[in-house]
Amino acid sequence: MDKCSSCQYNPQIVNRIKNEIPDDETTTRLSEMFKIFGDNTRIRILWALFDKELCVYDIANVLSMSQSAISHQLKTLKQARLIKSRREGKNSFYSIDDDHVKKIIEQMLIHIEEN
């Protein structure tokens, strides 16, 4: 590899970083997760579920969207294990899968509100 003329090459740092970078499978999975978070509707659904479980009907009303559009997004969120559901009779109730999901969104919000 060519040496950069404007910096000093430090083989110890480069080797340490090479060993710490996650493998391709891990970075691909991480990238896919960020794609899930990259949708406005899905973020709004997750936000609606921060403090309370809701059924599709309630989520649709909160977001002023159709139940079918909400159901489609819920399926994606559930497959990504960002939300979970429980059945009660004919109804399904959705909630955040774990506190990490809320923390990720809160941290992103803090970042975009800086400055």
N, C-alpha and C. Protein backbone atom coordinates (compact mmCIF):
# COMPACT_ATOMS: atom_id res chain seq x y z
N MET A 1 0.85 -1.17 0.00
CA MET A 1 0.00 0.00 0.00
C MET A 1 0.90 1.23 0.00
N ASP A 2 0.51 2.24 -0.78
CA ASP A 2 1.29 3.48 -0.85
C ASP A 2 1.18 4.25 0.45
N LYS A 3 2.25 4.94 0.77
CA LYS A 3 2.29 5.74 1.99
C LYS A 3 1.68 7.11 1.71
N CYS A 4 0.88 7.57 2.64
CA CYS A 4 0.26 8.89 2.52
C CYS A 4 1.33 9.95 2.78
N SER A 5 1.39 10.95 1.93
CA SER A 5 2.42 11.97 2.09
C SER A 5 2.09 12.98 3.18
N SER A 6 0.84 13.08 3.57
CA SER A 6 0.46 14.10 4.56
C SER A 6 0.25 13.53 5.97
N CYS A 7 0.48 12.25 6.17
CA CYS A 7 0.32 11.67 7.51
C CYS A 7 1.40 10.63 7.76
N GLN A 8 1.52 10.25 9.00
CA GLN A 8 2.49 9.23 9.34
C GLN A 8 1.79 7.89 9.47
N TYR A 9 2.32 6.91 8.83
CA TYR A 9 1.76 5.56 8.91
C TYR A 9 2.15 4.94 10.24
N ASN A 10 1.15 4.45 10.96
CA ASN A 10 1.40 3.82 12.25
C ASN A 10 0.88 2.39 12.16
N PRO A 11 1.77 1.43 11.94
CA PRO A 11 1.33 0.05 11.72
C PRO A 11 0.60 -0.55 12.93
N GLN A 12 0.94 -0.14 14.15
CA GLN A 12 0.25 -0.67 15.32
C GLN A 12 -1.22 -0.25 15.33
N ILE A 13 -1.46 1.02 15.06
CA ILE A 13 -2.84 1.51 15.04
C ILE A 13 -3.62 0.86 13.90
N VAL A 14 -3.00 0.81 12.73
CA VAL A 14 -3.68 0.22 11.56
C VAL A 14 -4.02 -1.24 11.82
N ASN A 15 -3.10 -1.99 12.37
CA ASN A 15 -3.35 -3.41 12.65
C ASN A 15 -4.42 -3.59 13.73
N ARG A 16 -4.38 -2.76 14.76
CA ARG A 16 -5.41 -2.85 15.80
C ARG A 16 -6.80 -2.59 15.21
N ILE A 17 -6.89 -1.56 14.40
CA ILE A 17 -8.18 -1.22 13.79
C ILE A 17 -8.64 -2.33 12.84
N LYS A 18 -7.74 -2.87 12.06
CA LYS A 18 -8.08 -3.99 11.16
C LYS A 18 -8.66 -5.16 11.94
N ASN A 19 -8.10 -5.44 13.12
CA ASN A 19 -8.58 -6.55 13.94
C ASN A 19 -9.89 -6.26 14.64
N GLU A 20 -10.22 -4.99 14.82
CA GLU A 20 -11.44 -4.62 15.54
C GLU A 20 -12.65 -4.42 14.62
N ILE A 21 -12.41 -4.18 13.35
CA ILE A 21 -13.53 -3.95 12.43
C ILE A 21 -14.34 -5.24 12.31
N PRO A 22 -15.65 -5.15 12.48
CA PRO A 22 -16.50 -6.35 12.36
C PRO A 22 -16.38 -6.98 10.97
N ASP A 23 -16.68 -8.26 10.90
CA ASP A 23 -16.62 -8.95 9.61
C ASP A 23 -17.75 -8.50 8.70
N ASP A 24 -17.66 -8.91 7.42
CA ASP A 24 -18.64 -8.47 6.42
C ASP A 24 -20.07 -8.86 6.78
N GLU A 25 -20.24 -10.04 7.32
CA GLU A 25 -21.60 -10.48 7.69
C GLU A 25 -22.19 -9.55 8.74
N THR A 26 -21.41 -9.19 9.73
CA THR A 26 -21.89 -8.31 10.80
C THR A 26 -22.20 -6.91 10.27
N THR A 27 -21.30 -6.37 9.46
CA THR A 27 -21.54 -5.02 8.94
C THR A 27 -22.72 -5.00 7.96
N THR A 28 -22.93 -6.09 7.25
CA THR A 28 -24.10 -6.19 6.37
C THR A 28 -25.38 -6.19 7.19
N ARG A 29 -25.40 -6.97 8.27
CA ARG A 29 -26.58 -7.00 9.15
C ARG A 29 -26.84 -5.63 9.78
N LEU A 30 -25.78 -4.96 10.18
CA LEU A 30 -25.91 -3.62 10.75
C LEU A 30 -26.46 -2.64 9.72
N SER A 31 -25.95 -2.72 8.51
CA SER A 31 -26.42 -1.87 7.43
C SER A 31 -27.91 -2.11 7.15
N GLU A 32 -28.32 -3.37 7.14
CA GLU A 32 -29.73 -3.69 6.93
C GLU A 32 -30.61 -3.11 8.05
N MET A 33 -30.11 -3.14 9.28
CA MET A 33 -30.87 -2.58 10.39
C MET A 33 -31.04 -1.07 10.22
N PHE A 34 -29.99 -0.39 9.78
CA PHE A 34 -30.11 1.04 9.55
C PHE A 34 -31.10 1.34 8.43
N LYS A 35 -31.21 0.45 7.46
CA LYS A 35 -32.22 0.64 6.41
C LYS A 35 -33.62 0.58 7.00
N ILE A 36 -33.83 -0.30 7.97
CA ILE A 36 -35.13 -0.39 8.64
C ILE A 36 -35.44 0.93 9.33
N PHE A 37 -34.44 1.49 10.02
CA PHE A 37 -34.62 2.77 10.71
C PHE A 37 -34.73 3.93 9.73
N GLY A 38 -34.39 3.71 8.47
CA GLY A 38 -34.36 4.77 7.47
C GLY A 38 -35.70 5.10 6.84
N ASP A 39 -36.78 4.66 7.45
CA ASP A 39 -38.11 4.92 6.90
C ASP A 39 -38.92 5.76 7.89
N ASN A 40 -39.44 6.88 7.42
CA ASN A 40 -40.19 7.81 8.24
C ASN A 40 -41.38 7.15 8.95
N THR A 41 -42.13 6.36 8.25
CA THR A 41 -43.30 5.71 8.85
C THR A 41 -42.89 4.74 9.95
N ARG A 42 -41.86 3.98 9.71
CA ARG A 42 -41.41 3.03 10.74
C ARG A 42 -40.91 3.74 11.99
N ILE A 43 -40.21 4.87 11.82
CA ILE A 43 -39.76 5.65 12.98
C ILE A 43 -40.97 6.16 13.75
N ARG A 44 -41.98 6.64 13.05
CA ARG A 44 -43.18 7.15 13.72
C ARG A 44 -43.93 6.03 14.46
N ILE A 45 -43.96 4.85 13.87
CA ILE A 45 -44.59 3.70 14.55
C ILE A 45 -43.82 3.36 15.82
N LEU A 46 -42.51 3.28 15.70
CA LEU A 46 -41.69 2.97 16.87
C LEU A 46 -41.91 4.01 17.96
N TRP A 47 -41.95 5.26 17.56
CA TRP A 47 -42.18 6.34 18.53
C TRP A 47 -43.53 6.17 19.24
N ALA A 48 -44.54 5.83 18.47
CA ALA A 48 -45.87 5.63 19.05
C ALA A 48 -45.88 4.49 20.07
N LEU A 49 -44.98 3.53 19.88
CA LEU A 49 -44.93 2.36 20.76
C LEU A 49 -43.95 2.52 21.93
N PHE A 50 -43.35 3.69 22.08
CA PHE A 50 -42.35 3.89 23.14
C PHE A 50 -42.87 3.53 24.52
N ASP A 51 -44.08 3.96 24.85
CA ASP A 51 -44.55 3.83 26.23
C ASP A 51 -45.74 2.91 26.42
N LYS A 52 -46.33 2.45 25.34
CA LYS A 52 -47.54 1.65 25.48
C LYS A 52 -47.70 0.74 24.28
N GLU A 53 -48.22 -0.44 24.53
CA GLU A 53 -48.53 -1.31 23.40
C GLU A 53 -49.83 -0.83 22.77
N LEU A 54 -49.89 -0.99 21.46
CA LEU A 54 -51.05 -0.53 20.71
C LEU A 54 -51.45 -1.57 19.67
N CYS A 55 -52.72 -1.55 19.29
CA CYS A 55 -53.18 -2.40 18.19
C CYS A 55 -53.03 -1.63 16.88
N VAL A 56 -53.18 -2.32 15.78
CA VAL A 56 -53.04 -1.70 14.46
C VAL A 56 -54.01 -0.53 14.31
N TYR A 57 -55.22 -0.71 14.78
CA TYR A 57 -56.24 0.35 14.67
C TYR A 57 -55.76 1.62 15.37
N ASP A 58 -55.23 1.49 16.58
CA ASP A 58 -54.77 2.67 17.32
C ASP A 58 -53.56 3.32 16.65
N ILE A 59 -52.63 2.51 16.17
CA ILE A 59 -51.46 3.06 15.49
C ILE A 59 -51.89 3.81 14.23
N ALA A 60 -52.81 3.22 13.48
CA ALA A 60 -53.32 3.87 12.26
C ALA A 60 -53.96 5.21 12.59
N ASN A 61 -54.71 5.27 13.68
CA ASN A 61 -55.33 6.53 14.08
C ASN A 61 -54.30 7.56 14.53
N VAL A 62 -53.32 7.13 15.29
CA VAL A 62 -52.27 8.04 15.76
C VAL A 62 -51.54 8.66 14.57
N LEU A 63 -51.24 7.85 13.57
CA LEU A 63 -50.44 8.30 12.42
C LEU A 63 -51.28 8.76 11.24
N SER A 64 -52.61 8.70 11.37
CA SER A 64 -53.53 9.08 10.28
C SER A 64 -53.18 8.34 8.99
N MET A 65 -53.06 7.03 9.12
CA MET A 65 -52.75 6.17 7.98
C MET A 65 -53.72 5.00 7.95
N SER A 66 -53.73 4.28 6.85
CA SER A 66 -54.60 3.11 6.75
C SER A 66 -54.04 1.96 7.57
N GLN A 67 -54.93 1.09 8.01
CA GLN A 67 -54.51 -0.08 8.76
C GLN A 67 -53.63 -0.99 7.92
N SER A 68 -53.92 -1.09 6.63
CA SER A 68 -53.10 -1.97 5.78
C SER A 68 -51.68 -1.43 5.64
N ALA A 69 -51.53 -0.12 5.53
CA ALA A 69 -50.18 0.47 5.44
C ALA A 69 -49.42 0.25 6.74
N ILE A 70 -50.10 0.37 7.86
CA ILE A 70 -49.48 0.15 9.17
C ILE A 70 -49.09 -1.33 9.31
N SER A 71 -49.99 -2.22 8.93
CA SER A 71 -49.71 -3.66 9.03
C SER A 71 -48.48 -4.04 8.24
N HIS A 72 -48.33 -3.46 7.06
CA HIS A 72 -47.17 -3.74 6.22
C HIS A 72 -45.88 -3.34 6.94
N GLN A 73 -45.86 -2.17 7.54
CA GLN A 73 -44.68 -1.70 8.25
C GLN A 73 -44.43 -2.50 9.53
N LEU A 74 -45.50 -2.89 10.21
CA LEU A 74 -45.36 -3.69 11.42
C LEU A 74 -44.68 -5.03 11.12
N LYS A 75 -45.03 -5.60 9.98
CA LYS A 75 -44.41 -6.87 9.58
C LYS A 75 -42.90 -6.70 9.43
N THR A 76 -42.48 -5.63 8.78
CA THR A 76 -41.06 -5.35 8.60
C THR A 76 -40.37 -5.16 9.95
N LEU A 77 -40.99 -4.38 10.83
CA LEU A 77 -40.41 -4.12 12.15
C LEU A 77 -40.34 -5.39 12.99
N LYS A 78 -41.33 -6.24 12.85
CA LYS A 78 -41.35 -7.49 13.62
C LYS A 78 -40.28 -8.45 13.10
N GLN A 79 -40.13 -8.53 11.79
CA GLN A 79 -39.09 -9.40 11.21
C GLN A 79 -37.70 -8.96 11.63
N ALA A 80 -37.53 -7.65 11.84
CA ALA A 80 -36.24 -7.11 12.28
C ALA A 80 -36.07 -7.21 13.79
N ARG A 81 -37.07 -7.74 14.47
CA ARG A 81 -37.07 -7.91 15.93
C ARG A 81 -36.97 -6.58 16.68
N LEU A 82 -37.57 -5.54 16.07
CA LEU A 82 -37.62 -4.24 16.73
C LEU A 82 -38.90 -4.10 17.55
N ILE A 83 -39.93 -4.86 17.16
CA ILE A 83 -41.17 -4.88 17.92
C ILE A 83 -41.58 -6.32 18.17
N LYS A 84 -42.50 -6.49 19.10
CA LYS A 84 -43.07 -7.80 19.37
C LYS A 84 -44.58 -7.64 19.43
N SER A 85 -45.27 -8.75 19.36
CA SER A 85 -46.73 -8.69 19.41
C SER A 85 -47.26 -9.77 20.35
N ARG A 86 -48.46 -9.53 20.80
CA ARG A 86 -49.18 -10.54 21.59
C ARG A 86 -50.62 -10.50 21.13
N ARG A 87 -51.24 -11.68 21.13
CA ARG A 87 -52.64 -11.80 20.70
C ARG A 87 -53.54 -11.78 21.91
N GLU A 88 -54.66 -11.11 21.72
CA GLU A 88 -55.72 -11.10 22.71
C GLU A 88 -57.03 -11.24 21.93
N GLY A 89 -57.55 -12.43 21.90
CA GLY A 89 -58.72 -12.69 21.06
C GLY A 89 -58.35 -12.55 19.61
N LYS A 90 -59.09 -11.72 18.88
CA LYS A 90 -58.81 -11.50 17.46
C LYS A 90 -57.81 -10.38 17.23
N ASN A 91 -57.43 -9.68 18.28
CA ASN A 91 -56.55 -8.52 18.14
C ASN A 91 -55.10 -8.85 18.49
N SER A 92 -54.21 -8.17 17.79
CA SER A 92 -52.78 -8.23 18.12
C SER A 92 -52.37 -6.87 18.66
N PHE A 93 -51.56 -6.90 19.71
CA PHE A 93 -51.05 -5.68 20.31
C PHE A 93 -49.54 -5.67 20.13
N TYR A 94 -49.02 -4.52 19.73
CA TYR A 94 -47.61 -4.37 19.40
C TYR A 94 -46.91 -3.49 20.42
N SER A 95 -45.65 -3.83 20.68
CA SER A 95 -44.83 -3.03 21.59
C SER A 95 -43.38 -3.12 21.14
N ILE A 96 -42.58 -2.20 21.66
CA ILE A 96 -41.14 -2.21 21.40
C ILE A 96 -40.57 -3.52 21.95
N ASP A 97 -39.68 -4.15 21.19
CA ASP A 97 -39.13 -5.44 21.61
C ASP A 97 -38.27 -5.32 22.86
N ASP A 98 -37.42 -4.30 22.92
CA ASP A 98 -36.63 -4.07 24.13
C ASP A 98 -36.21 -2.61 24.18
N ASP A 99 -35.64 -2.21 25.30
CA ASP A 99 -35.30 -0.82 25.54
C ASP A 99 -34.22 -0.29 24.60
N HIS A 100 -33.43 -1.19 23.99
CA HIS A 100 -32.39 -0.75 23.06
C HIS A 100 -32.98 0.02 21.89
N VAL A 101 -34.13 -0.39 21.41
CA VAL A 101 -34.76 0.25 20.25
C VAL A 101 -35.05 1.72 20.58
N LYS A 102 -35.63 1.94 21.73
CA LYS A 102 -35.94 3.31 22.16
C LYS A 102 -34.65 4.13 22.31
N LYS A 103 -33.64 3.54 22.90
CA LYS A 103 -32.37 4.24 23.11
C LYS A 103 -31.70 4.63 21.79
N ILE A 104 -31.78 3.76 20.79
CA ILE A 104 -31.20 4.05 19.48
C ILE A 104 -31.86 5.29 18.90
N ILE A 105 -33.18 5.33 18.91
CA ILE A 105 -33.90 6.47 18.35
C ILE A 105 -33.63 7.74 19.16
N GLU A 106 -33.62 7.62 20.48
CA GLU A 106 -33.34 8.79 21.32
C GLU A 106 -31.95 9.34 21.04
N GLN A 107 -30.96 8.46 20.87
CA GLN A 107 -29.60 8.92 20.59
C GLN A 107 -29.51 9.59 19.22
N MET A 108 -30.21 9.05 18.24
CA MET A 108 -30.22 9.67 16.91
C MET A 108 -30.86 11.05 16.99
N LEU A 109 -31.93 11.17 17.77
CA LEU A 109 -32.62 12.45 17.93
C LEU A 109 -31.70 13.47 18.59
N ILE A 110 -30.98 13.07 19.62
CA ILE A 110 -30.02 13.97 20.28
C ILE A 110 -28.99 14.44 19.27
N HIS A 111 -28.51 13.52 18.45
CA HIS A 111 -27.49 13.87 17.46
C HIS A 111 -28.01 14.89 16.45
N ILE A 112 -29.21 14.69 15.92
CA ILE A 112 -29.71 15.62 14.89
C ILE A 112 -30.12 16.97 15.48
N GLU A 113 -30.39 17.00 16.79
CA GLU A 113 -30.78 18.27 17.41
C GLU A 113 -29.58 19.07 17.91
N GLU A 114 -28.37 18.50 17.82
CA GLU A 114 -27.18 19.26 18.22
C GLU A 114 -26.99 20.43 17.27
N ASN A 115 -26.47 21.51 17.83
CA ASN A 115 -26.22 22.75 17.08
C ASN A 115 -27.50 23.42 16.77
